[in-house]
PDB file of N, CA and C in Angstrom:
ATOM      1  N   MET A   1      23.693 274.567 232.204  1.00  0.00           N
ATOM      2  CA  MET A   1      24.930 274.585 231.438  1.00  0.00           C
ATOM      3  C   MET A   1      24.575 274.521 229.948  1.00  0.00           C
ATOM      4  N   THR A   2      25.339 275.233 229.148  1.00  0.00           N
ATOM      5  CA  THR A   2      25.125 275.262 227.702  1.00  0.00           C
ATOM      6  C   THR A   2      26.362 274.695 227.014  1.00  0.00           C
ATOM      7  N   ASP A   3      26.332 274.650 225.697  1.00  0.00           N
ATOM      8  CA  ASP A   3      27.525 274.229 224.958  1.00  0.00           C
ATOM      9  C   ASP A   3      28.262 275.435 224.387  1.00  0.00           C
ATOM     10  N   ILE A   4      28.065 276.591 225.017  1.00  0.00           N
ATOM     11  CA  ILE A   4      28.707 277.841 224.606  1.00  0.00           C
ATOM     12  C   ILE A   4      29.851 278.147 225.568  1.00  0.00           C
ATOM     13  N   VAL A   5      30.969 278.641 225.019  1.00  0.00           N
ATOM     14  CA  VAL A   5      32.091 279.079 225.849  1.00  0.00           C
ATOM     15  C   VAL A   5      32.505 280.485 225.448  1.00  0.00           C
ATOM     16  N   GLU A   6      33.092 281.177 226.402  1.00  0.00           N
ATOM     17  CA  GLU A   6      33.788 282.433 226.127  1.00  0.00           C
ATOM     18  C   GLU A   6      35.264 282.167 226.339  1.00  0.00           C
ATOM     19  N   ILE A   7      36.058 282.605 225.387  1.00  0.00           N
ATOM     20  CA  ILE A   7      37.507 282.455 225.465  1.00  0.00           C
ATOM     21  C   ILE A   7      38.096 283.846 225.631  1.00  0.00           C
ATOM     22  N   HIS A   8      39.044 283.961 226.553  1.00  0.00           N
ATOM     23  CA  HIS A   8      39.698 285.241 226.801  1.00  0.00           C
ATOM     24  C   HIS A   8      41.191 285.104 226.526  1.00  0.00           C
ATOM     25  N   VAL A   9      41.734 286.090 225.830  1.00  0.00           N
ATOM     26  CA  VAL A   9      43.169 286.161 225.572  1.00  0.00           C
ATOM     27  C   VAL A   9      43.525 287.642 225.454  1.00  0.00           C
ATOM     28  N   THR A  10      44.718 288.014 225.883  1.00  0.00           N
ATOM     29  CA  THR A  10      45.155 289.397 225.709  1.00  0.00           C
ATOM     30  C   THR A  10      46.127 289.470 224.545  1.00  0.00           C
ATOM     31  N   CYS A  11      46.154 290.632 223.908  1.00  0.00           N
ATOM     32  CA  CYS A  11      46.973 290.852 222.713  1.00  0.00           C
ATOM     33  C   CYS A  11      47.888 292.054 222.932  1.00  0.00           C
ATOM     34  N   PRO A  12      49.100 292.022 222.344  1.00  0.00           N
ATOM     35  CA  PRO A  12      50.050 293.105 222.577  1.00  0.00           C
ATOM     36  C   PRO A  12      49.687 294.410 221.875  1.00  0.00           C
ATOM     37  N   THR A  13      48.855 294.330 220.834  1.00  0.00           N
ATOM     38  CA  THR A  13      48.433 295.535 220.118  1.00  0.00           C
ATOM     39  C   THR A  13      46.980 295.382 219.686  1.00  0.00           C
ATOM     40  N   LEU A  14      46.356 296.499 219.398  1.00  0.00           N
ATOM     41  CA  LEU A  14      44.998 296.487 218.867  1.00  0.00           C
ATOM     42  C   LEU A  14      44.969 295.764 217.525  1.00  0.00           C
ATOM     43  N   GLU A  15      46.006 295.969 216.725  1.00  0.00           N
ATOM     44  CA  GLU A  15      46.071 295.332 215.409  1.00  0.00           C
ATOM     45  C   GLU A  15      46.087 293.808 215.526  1.00  0.00           C
ATOM     46  N   VAL A  16      46.850 293.279 216.474  1.00  0.00           N
ATOM     47  CA  VAL A  16      46.891 291.825 216.678  1.00  0.00           C
ATOM     48  C   VAL A  16      45.508 291.325 217.086  1.00  0.00           C
ATOM     49  N   ALA A  17      44.841 292.031 217.986  1.00  0.00           N
ATOM     50  CA  ALA A  17      43.493 291.633 218.412  1.00  0.00           C
ATOM     51  C   ALA A  17      42.539 291.617 217.220  1.00  0.00           C
ATOM     52  N   ARG A  18      42.640 292.619 216.370  1.00  0.00           N
ATOM     53  CA  ARG A  18      41.777 292.671 215.180  1.00  0.00           C
ATOM     54  C   ARG A  18      42.090 291.532 214.217  1.00  0.00           C
ATOM     55  N   GLU A  19      43.373 291.265 213.990  1.00  0.00           N
ATOM     56  CA  GLU A  19      43.765 290.185 213.073  1.00  0.00           C
ATOM     57  C   GLU A  19      43.296 288.829 213.590  1.00  0.00           C
ATOM     58  N   LEU A  20      43.480 288.577 214.890  1.00  0.00           N
ATOM     59  CA  LEU A  20      43.002 287.319 215.464  1.00  0.00           C
ATOM     60  C   LEU A  20      41.488 287.204 215.307  1.00  0.00           C
ATOM     61  N   SER A  21      40.780 288.283 215.576  1.00  0.00           N
ATOM     62  CA  SER A  21      39.321 288.284 215.447  1.00  0.00           C
ATOM     63  C   SER A  21      38.897 287.931 214.030  1.00  0.00           C
ATOM     64  N   HIS A  22      39.501 288.595 213.057  1.00  0.00           N
ATOM     65  CA  HIS A  22      39.138 288.333 211.658  1.00  0.00           C
ATOM     66  C   HIS A  22      39.429 286.887 211.274  1.00  0.00           C
ATOM     67  N   GLY A  23      40.558 286.354 211.711  1.00  0.00           N
ATOM     68  CA  GLY A  23      40.896 284.969 211.401  1.00  0.00           C
ATOM     69  C   GLY A  23      39.904 283.987 211.998  1.00  0.00           C
ATOM     70  N   LEU A  24      39.517 284.209 213.246  1.00  0.00           N
ATOM     71  CA  LEU A  24      38.553 283.320 213.908  1.00  0.00           C
ATOM     72  C   LEU A  24      37.174 283.413 213.261  1.00  0.00           C
ATOM     73  N   LEU A  25      36.767 284.622 212.907  1.00  0.00           N
ATOM     74  CA  LEU A  25      35.468 284.802 212.255  1.00  0.00           C
ATOM     75  C   LEU A  25      35.478 284.235 210.838  1.00  0.00           C
ATOM     76  N   ASP A  26      36.535 284.528 210.081  1.00  0.00           N
ATOM     77  CA  ASP A  26      36.629 284.017 208.709  1.00  0.00           C
ATOM     78  C   ASP A  26      36.657 282.495 208.677  1.00  0.00           C
ATOM     79  N   GLY A  27      37.303 281.894 209.677  1.00  0.00           N
ATOM     80  CA  GLY A  27      37.371 280.441 209.768  1.00  0.00           C
ATOM     81  C   GLY A  27      36.132 279.823 210.391  1.00  0.00           C
ATOM     82  N   ARG A  28      35.164 280.656 210.751  1.00  0.00           N
ATOM     83  CA  ARG A  28      33.920 280.224 211.393  1.00  0.00           C
ATOM     84  C   ARG A  28      34.173 279.457 212.683  1.00  0.00           C
ATOM     85  N   LEU A  29      35.275 279.821 213.353  1.00  0.00           N
ATOM     86  CA  LEU A  29      35.572 279.245 214.664  1.00  0.00           C
ATOM     87  C   LEU A  29      34.883 280.026 215.775  1.00  0.00           C
ATOM     88  N   ALA A  30      34.505 281.253 215.490  1.00  0.00           N
ATOM     89  CA  ALA A  30      33.853 282.116 216.475  1.00  0.00           C
ATOM     90  C   ALA A  30      32.642 282.779 215.852  1.00  0.00           C
ATOM     91  N   ALA A  31      31.646 283.040 216.687  1.00  0.00           N
ATOM     92  CA  ALA A  31      30.470 283.777 216.244  1.00  0.00           C
ATOM     93  C   ALA A  31      30.658 285.271 216.462  1.00  0.00           C
ATOM     94  N   CYS A  32      31.459 285.615 217.460  1.00  0.00           N
ATOM     95  CA  CYS A  32      31.616 287.012 217.852  1.00  0.00           C
ATOM     96  C   CYS A  32      32.942 287.187 218.579  1.00  0.00           C
ATOM     97  N   CYS A  33      33.601 288.286 218.310  1.00  0.00           N
ATOM     98  CA  CYS A  33      34.832 288.645 219.022  1.00  0.00           C
ATOM     99  C   CYS A  33      34.686 290.086 219.504  1.00  0.00           C
ATOM    100  N   ASN A  34      34.951 290.306 220.772  1.00  0.00           N
ATOM    101  CA  ASN A  34      34.884 291.641 221.352  1.00  0.00           C
ATOM    102  C   ASN A  34      36.271 292.055 221.801  1.00  0.00           C
ATOM    103  N   ILE A  35      36.710 293.213 221.334  1.00  0.00           N
ATOM    104  CA  ILE A  35      38.011 293.750 221.722  1.00  0.00           C
ATOM    105  C   ILE A  35      37.766 294.851 222.747  1.00  0.00           C
ATOM    106  N   GLY A  36      38.368 294.681 223.910  1.00  0.00           N
ATOM    107  CA  GLY A  36      38.194 295.660 224.975  1.00  0.00           C
ATOM    108  C   GLY A  36      39.202 296.796 224.876  1.00  0.00           C
ATOM    109  N   LYS A  37      39.026 297.745 225.762  1.00  0.00           N
ATOM    110  CA  LYS A  37      39.958 298.872 225.863  1.00  0.00           C
ATOM    111  C   LYS A  37      41.302 298.384 226.394  1.00  0.00           C
ATOM    112  N   GLU A  38      42.316 299.122 226.095  1.00  0.00           N
ATOM    113  CA  GLU A  38      43.675 298.815 226.552  1.00  0.00           C
ATOM    114  C   GLU A  38      43.698 298.629 228.072  1.00  0.00           C
ATOM    115  N   VAL A  39      44.415 297.595 228.518  1.00  0.00           N
ATOM    116  CA  VAL A  39      44.552 297.320 229.948  1.00  0.00           C
ATOM    117  C   VAL A  39      46.030 297.293 230.329  1.00  0.00           C
ATOM    118  N   ASP A  40      46.289 297.553 231.589  1.00  0.00           N
ATOM    119  CA  ASP A  40      47.639 297.520 232.155  1.00  0.00           C
ATOM    120  C   ASP A  40      47.856 296.125 232.731  1.00  0.00           C
ATOM    121  N   SER A  41      48.630 295.288 232.046  1.00  0.00           N
ATOM    122  CA  SER A  41      48.843 293.900 232.474  1.00  0.00           C
ATOM    123  C   SER A  41      50.169 293.753 233.195  1.00  0.00           C
ATOM    124  N   ARG A  42      50.134 292.998 234.276  1.00  0.00           N
ATOM    125  CA  ARG A  42      51.334 292.693 235.062  1.00  0.00           C
ATOM    126  C   ARG A  42      51.333 291.203 235.331  1.00  0.00           C
ATOM    127  N   TYR A  43      52.478 290.578 235.092  1.00  0.00           N
ATOM    128  CA  TYR A  43      52.547 289.124 235.212  1.00  0.00           C
ATOM    129  C   TYR A  43      53.992 288.679 235.377  1.00  0.00           C
ATOM    130  N   LEU A  44      54.163 287.436 235.789  1.00  0.00           N
ATOM    131  CA  LEU A  44      55.494 286.845 235.902  1.00  0.00           C
ATOM    132  C   LEU A  44      55.787 286.056 234.637  1.00  0.00           C
ATOM    133  N   TRP A  45      56.975 286.279 234.075  1.00  0.00           N
ATOM    134  CA  TRP A  45      57.381 285.562 232.867  1.00  0.00           C
ATOM    135  C   TRP A  45      58.881 285.305 232.924  1.00  0.00           C
ATOM    136  N   GLN A  46      59.246 284.057 232.826  1.00  0.00           N
ATOM    137  CA  GLN A  46      60.645 283.628 232.831  1.00  0.00           C
ATOM    138  C   GLN A  46      61.411 284.224 234.015  1.00  0.00           C
ATOM    139  N   GLY A  47      60.773 284.157 235.188  1.00  0.00           N
ATOM    140  CA  GLY A  47      61.410 284.579 236.424  1.00  0.00           C
ATOM    141  C   GLY A  47      61.433 286.072 236.689  1.00  0.00           C
ATOM    142  N   LYS A  48      60.794 286.860 235.824  1.00  0.00           N
ATOM    143  CA  LYS A  48      60.781 288.309 236.014  1.00  0.00           C
ATOM    144  C   LYS A  48      59.352 288.832 236.042  1.00  0.00           C
ATOM    145  N   LYS A  49      59.175 289.923 236.785  1.00  0.00           N
ATOM    146  CA  LYS A  49      57.890 290.615 236.788  1.00  0.00           C
ATOM    147  C   LYS A  49      57.839 291.509 235.554  1.00  0.00           C
ATOM    148  N   GLU A  50      56.771 291.377 234.775  1.00  0.00           N
ATOM    149  CA  GLU A  50      56.610 292.136 233.531  1.00  0.00           C
ATOM    150  C   GLU A  50      55.409 293.068 233.634  1.00  0.00           C
ATOM    151  N   ARG A  51      55.428 294.133 232.817  1.00  0.00           N
ATOM    152  CA  ARG A  51      54.297 295.044 232.695  1.00  0.00           C
ATOM    153  C   ARG A  51      54.182 295.463 231.240  1.00  0.00           C
ATOM    154  N   HIS A  52      52.996 295.271 230.672  1.00  0.00           N
ATOM    155  CA  HIS A  52      52.747 295.683 229.290  1.00  0.00           C
ATOM    156  C   HIS A  52      51.314 296.179 229.150  1.00  0.00           C
ATOM    157  N   ASP A  53      51.110 297.064 228.209  1.00  0.00           N
ATOM    158  CA  ASP A  53      49.758 297.438 227.819  1.00  0.00           C
ATOM    159  C   ASP A  53      49.270 296.355 226.861  1.00  0.00           C
ATOM    160  N   GLU A  54      48.056 295.887 227.070  1.00  0.00           N
ATOM    161  CA  GLU A  54      47.499 294.832 226.228  1.00  0.00           C
ATOM    162  C   GLU A  54      46.030 295.123 225.935  1.00  0.00           C
ATOM    163  N   TRP A  55      45.511 294.440 224.910  1.00  0.00           N
ATOM    164  CA  TRP A  55      44.114 294.560 224.523  1.00  0.00           C
ATOM    165  C   TRP A  55      43.434 293.222 224.761  1.00  0.00           C
ATOM    166  N   PRO A  56      42.406 293.194 225.621  1.00  0.00           N
ATOM    167  CA  PRO A  56      41.696 291.944 225.879  1.00  0.00           C
ATOM    168  C   PRO A  56      40.763 291.589 224.717  1.00  0.00           C
ATOM    169  N   LEU A  57      40.774 290.317 224.365  1.00  0.00           N
ATOM    170  CA  LEU A  57      39.916 289.800 223.308  1.00  0.00           C
ATOM    171  C   LEU A  57      39.028 288.716 223.910  1.00  0.00           C
ATOM    172  N   THR A  58      37.721 288.869 223.752  1.00  0.00           N
ATOM    173  CA  THR A  58      36.748 287.880 224.216  1.00  0.00           C
ATOM    174  C   THR A  58      36.098 287.254 222.993  1.00  0.00           C
ATOM    175  N   ILE A  59      36.079 285.931 222.972  1.00  0.00           N
ATOM    176  CA  ILE A  59      35.590 285.173 221.821  1.00  0.00           C
ATOM    177  C   ILE A  59      34.400 284.333 222.268  1.00  0.00           C
ATOM    178  N   LYS A  60      33.301 284.415 221.536  1.00  0.00           N
ATOM    179  CA  LYS A  60      32.119 283.597 221.826  1.00  0.00           C
ATOM    180  C   LYS A  60      32.036 282.488 220.785  1.00  0.00           C
ATOM    181  N   THR A  61      31.953 281.239 221.257  1.00  0.00           N
ATOM    182  CA  THR A  61      31.927 280.103 220.345  1.00  0.00           C
ATOM    183  C   THR A  61      31.284 278.898 221.009  1.00  0.00           C
ATOM    184  N   ARG A  62      31.276 277.783 220.285  1.00  0.00           N
ATOM    185  CA  ARG A  62      30.780 276.520 220.831  1.00  0.00           C
ATOM    186  C   ARG A  62      31.899 275.828 221.592  1.00  0.00           C
ATOM    187  N   ALA A  63      31.521 275.068 222.614  1.00  0.00           N
ATOM    188  CA  ALA A  63      32.511 274.366 223.437  1.00  0.00           C
ATOM    189  C   ALA A  63      33.348 273.398 222.612  1.00  0.00           C
ATOM    190  N   ASP A  64      32.744 272.752 221.616  1.00  0.00           N
ATOM    191  CA  ASP A  64      33.494 271.781 220.816  1.00  0.00           C
ATOM    192  C   ASP A  64      34.508 272.435 219.884  1.00  0.00           C
ATOM    193  N   LEU A  65      34.485 273.757 219.765  1.00  0.00           N
ATOM    194  CA  LEU A  65      35.466 274.473 218.945  1.00  0.00           C
ATOM    195  C   LEU A  65      36.583 275.097 219.785  1.00  0.00           C
ATOM    196  N   PHE A  66      36.551 274.866 221.099  1.00  0.00           N
ATOM    197  CA  PHE A  66      37.556 275.468 221.981  1.00  0.00           C
ATOM    198  C   PHE A  66      38.977 275.113 221.543  1.00  0.00           C
ATOM    199  N   ASP A  67      39.269 273.839 221.339  1.00  0.00           N
ATOM    200  CA  ASP A  67      40.631 273.428 220.972  1.00  0.00           C
ATOM    201  C   ASP A  67      41.062 274.018 219.634  1.00  0.00           C
ATOM    202  N   ALA A  68      40.162 274.063 218.664  1.00  0.00           N
ATOM    203  CA  ALA A  68      40.488 274.645 217.357  1.00  0.00           C
ATOM    204  C   ALA A  68      40.764 276.142 217.486  1.00  0.00           C
ATOM    205  N   CYS A  69      39.999 276.826 218.337  1.00  0.00           N
ATOM    206  CA  CYS A  69      40.248 278.252 218.579  1.00  0.00           C
ATOM    207  C   CYS A  69      41.614 278.452 219.223  1.00  0.00           C
ATOM    208  N   CYS A  70      41.930 277.621 220.218  1.00  0.00           N
ATOM    209  CA  CYS A  70      43.233 277.725 220.885  1.00  0.00           C
ATOM    210  C   CYS A  70      44.367 277.526 219.888  1.00  0.00           C
ATOM    211  N   GLU A  71      44.230 276.543 219.021  1.00  0.00           N
ATOM    212  CA  GLU A  71      45.270 276.284 218.020  1.00  0.00           C
ATOM    213  C   GLU A  71      45.435 277.474 217.083  1.00  0.00           C
ATOM    214  N   ALA A  72      44.325 278.046 216.627  1.00  0.00           N
ATOM    215  CA  ALA A  72      44.391 279.212 215.741  1.00  0.00           C
ATOM    216  C   ALA A  72      45.024 280.403 216.452  1.00  0.00           C
ATOM    217  N   ILE A  73      44.674 280.611 217.707  1.00  0.00           N
ATOM    218  CA  ILE A  73      45.252 281.722 218.469  1.00  0.00           C
ATOM    219  C   ILE A  73      46.754 281.517 218.625  1.00  0.00           C
ATOM    220  N   ARG A  74      47.167 280.320 219.071  1.00  0.00           N
ATOM    221  CA  ARG A  74      48.603 280.049 219.257  1.00  0.00           C
ATOM    222  C   ARG A  74      49.379 280.204 217.950  1.00  0.00           C
ATOM    223  N   THR A  75      48.785 279.793 216.837  1.00  0.00           N
ATOM    224  CA  THR A  75      49.453 279.874 215.535  1.00  0.00           C
ATOM    225  C   THR A  75      49.697 281.318 215.111  1.00  0.00           C
ATOM    226  N   HIS A  76      48.746 282.203 215.398  1.00  0.00           N
ATOM    227  CA  HIS A  76      48.818 283.573 214.877  1.00  0.00           C
ATOM    228  C   HIS A  76      49.157 284.633 215.918  1.00  0.00           C
ATOM    229  N   HIS A  77      49.285 284.250 217.167  1.00  0.00           N
ATOM    230  CA  HIS A  77      49.589 285.206 218.238  1.00  0.00           C
ATOM    231  C   HIS A  77      51.102 285.365 218.341  1.00  0.00           C
ATOM    232  N   PRO A  78      51.594 286.583 218.510  1.00  0.00           N
ATOM    233  CA  PRO A  78      53.045 286.775 218.572  1.00  0.00           C
ATOM    234  C   PRO A  78      53.697 286.313 219.875  1.00  0.00           C
ATOM    235  N   TYR A  79      52.921 286.125 220.946  1.00  0.00           N
ATOM    236  CA  TYR A  79      53.511 285.677 222.205  1.00  0.00           C
ATOM    237  C   TYR A  79      53.900 284.203 222.114  1.00  0.00           C
ATOM    238  N   GLU A  80      54.975 283.857 222.780  1.00  0.00           N
ATOM    239  CA  GLU A  80      55.414 282.463 222.854  1.00  0.00           C
ATOM    240  C   GLU A  80      54.343 281.598 223.515  1.00  0.00           C
ATOM    241  N   THR A  81      53.753 282.126 224.582  1.00  0.00           N
ATOM    242  CA  THR A  81      52.700 281.409 225.307  1.00  0.00           C
ATOM    243  C   THR A  81      51.568 282.379 225.633  1.00  0.00           C
ATOM    244  N   PRO A  82      50.655 282.613 224.692  1.00  0.00           N
ATOM    245  CA  PRO A  82      49.533 283.494 225.023  1.00  0.00           C
ATOM    246  C   PRO A  82      48.665 282.846 226.098  1.00  0.00           C
ATOM    247  N   ALA A  83      48.207 283.644 227.033  1.00  0.00           N
ATOM    248  CA  ALA A  83      47.347 283.129 228.111  1.00  0.00           C
ATOM    249  C   ALA A  83      45.924 283.009 227.572  1.00  0.00           C
ATOM    250  N   ILE A  84      45.538 281.790 227.229  1.00  0.00           N
ATOM    251  CA  ILE A  84      44.211 281.509 226.676  1.00  0.00           C
ATOM    252  C   ILE A  84      43.403 280.797 227.753  1.00  0.00           C
ATOM    253  N   VAL A  85      42.294 281.398 228.144  1.00  0.00           N
ATOM    254  CA  VAL A  85      41.425 280.763 229.136  1.00  0.00           C
ATOM    255  C   VAL A  85      39.994 280.739 228.601  1.00  0.00           C
ATOM    256  N   GLY A  86      39.291 279.670 228.905  1.00  0.00           N
ATOM    257  CA  GLY A  86      37.913 279.529 228.453  1.00  0.00           C
ATOM    258  C   GLY A  86      36.989 279.314 229.629  1.00  0.00           C
ATOM    259  N   PHE A  87      35.792 279.828 229.496  1.00  0.00           N
ATOM    260  CA  PHE A  87      34.783 279.709 230.539  1.00  0.00           C
ATOM    261  C   PHE A  87      33.498 279.153 229.936  1.00  0.00           C
ATOM    262  N   ALA A  88      32.978 278.108 230.544  1.00  0.00           N
ATOM    263  CA  ALA A  88      31.679 277.593 230.127  1.00  0.00           C
ATOM    264  C   ALA A  88      30.617 278.630 230.479  1.00  0.00           C
ATOM    265  N   VAL A  89      29.700 278.853 229.566  1.00  0.00           N
ATOM    266  CA  VAL A  89      28.605 279.788 229.801  1.00  0.00           C
ATOM    267  C   VAL A  89      27.443 278.997 230.397  1.00  0.00           C
ATOM    268  N   ASP A  90      27.073 279.324 231.620  1.00  0.00           N
ATOM    269  CA  ASP A  90      26.006 278.597 232.309  1.00  0.00           C
ATOM    270  C   ASP A  90      24.624 278.909 231.748  1.00  0.00           C
ATOM    271  N   HIS A  91      24.416 280.146 231.359  1.00  0.00           N
ATOM    272  CA  HIS A  91      23.103 280.570 230.878  1.00  0.00           C
ATOM    273  C   HIS A  91      23.294 281.444 229.648  1.00  0.00           C
ATOM    274  N   VAL A  92      22.455 281.224 228.653  1.00  0.00           N
ATOM    275  CA  VAL A  92      22.499 282.044 227.446  1.00  0.00           C
ATOM    276  C   VAL A  92      21.086 282.105 226.866  1.00  0.00           C
ATOM    277  N   ASP A  93      20.735 283.232 226.328  1.00  0.00           N
ATOM    278  CA  ASP A  93      19.454 283.385 225.660  1.00  0.00           C
ATOM    279  C   ASP A  93      19.367 282.372 224.511  1.00  0.00           C
ATOM    280  N   ALA A  94      18.223 281.745 224.347  1.00  0.00           N
ATOM    281  CA  ALA A  94      18.055 280.704 223.327  1.00  0.00           C
ATOM    282  C   ALA A  94      18.380 281.217 221.927  1.00  0.00           C
ATOM    283  N   ALA A  95      17.966 282.427 221.616  1.00  0.00           N
ATOM    284  CA  ALA A  95      18.235 282.984 220.289  1.00  0.00           C
ATOM    285  C   ALA A  95      19.732 283.199 220.079  1.00  0.00           C
ATOM    286  N   THR A  96      20.428 283.608 221.120  1.00  0.00           N
ATOM    287  CA  THR A  96      21.880 283.799 221.024  1.00  0.00           C
ATOM    288  C   THR A  96      22.578 282.468 220.819  1.00  0.00           C
ATOM    289  N   ALA A  97      22.181 281.455 221.562  1.00  0.00           N
ATOM    290  CA  ALA A  97      22.784 280.124 221.412  1.00  0.00           C
ATOM    291  C   ALA A  97      22.549 279.581 220.009  1.00  0.00           C
ATOM    292  N   GLU A  98      21.354 279.785 219.495  1.00  0.00           N
ATOM    293  CA  GLU A  98      21.029 279.327 218.141  1.00  0.00           C
ATOM    294  C   GLU A  98      21.895 280.040 217.108  1.00  0.00           C
ATOM    295  N   TRP A  99      22.055 281.347 217.276  1.00  0.00           N
ATOM    296  CA  TRP A  99      22.882 282.129 216.355  1.00  0.00           C
ATOM    297  C   TRP A  99      24.333 281.643 216.385  1.00  0.00           C
ATOM    298  N   ILE A 100      24.884 281.419 217.575  1.00  0.00           N
ATOM    299  CA  ILE A 100      26.267 280.946 217.689  1.00  0.00           C
ATOM    300  C   ILE A 100      26.417 279.600 216.988  1.00  0.00           C
ATOM    301  N   ALA A 101      25.474 278.696 217.210  1.00  0.00           N
ATOM    302  CA  ALA A 101      25.529 277.377 216.569  1.00  0.00           C
ATOM    303  C   ALA A 101      25.405 277.491 215.052  1.00  0.00           C
ATOM    304  N   GLU A 102      24.580 278.413 214.591  1.00  0.00           N
ATOM    305  CA  GLU A 102      24.318 278.576 213.160  1.00  0.00           C
ATOM    306  C   GLU A 102      25.519 279.133 212.399  1.00  0.00           C
ATOM    307  N   VAL A 103      26.223 280.092 212.993  1.00  0.00           N
ATOM    308  CA  VAL A 103      27.275 280.785 212.238  1.00  0.00           C
ATOM    309  C   VAL A 103      28.659 280.166 212.391  1.00  0.00           C
ATOM    310  N   THR A 104      28.825 279.244 213.338  1.00  0.00           N
ATOM    311  CA  THR A 104      30.126 278.599 213.496  1.00  0.00           C
ATOM    312  C   THR A 104      30.146 277.293 212.713  1.00  0.00           C
ATOM    313  N   LYS A 105      31.366 276.744 212.533  1.00  0.00           N
ATOM    314  CA  LYS A 105      31.538 275.514 211.753  1.00  0.00           C
ATOM    315  C   LYS A 105      30.597 274.419 212.211  1.00  0.00           C
ATOM    316  N   ALA A 106      30.044 273.714 211.251  1.00  0.00           N
ATOM    317  CA  ALA A 106      29.148 272.589 211.578  1.00  0.00           C
ATOM    318  C   ALA A 106      29.956 271.329 211.819  1.00  0.00           C
TER     319      ALA A 106
END
């Protein structure tokens, strides 16, 4: 187990994904943000089945910055309740872990 996490959240537009990425990077809350290709999302919301095109955003950061990342995402995301999930990274290359620790907030 490492102290690195990946955070996943979907965004309603490519522009929102880019803006969130820039905010997290500028705030040194994330070392890296990857924006995926548009996906077809289907989910239940307020008692109804919904379908929207969304852009997945993957954020690489330290585990101790998870809550700060969530707060920044919730503050700047247009959804009332963005689905933010984090996964502990079990294995990571030592150089990658060092880089993530170096470029994120101390």
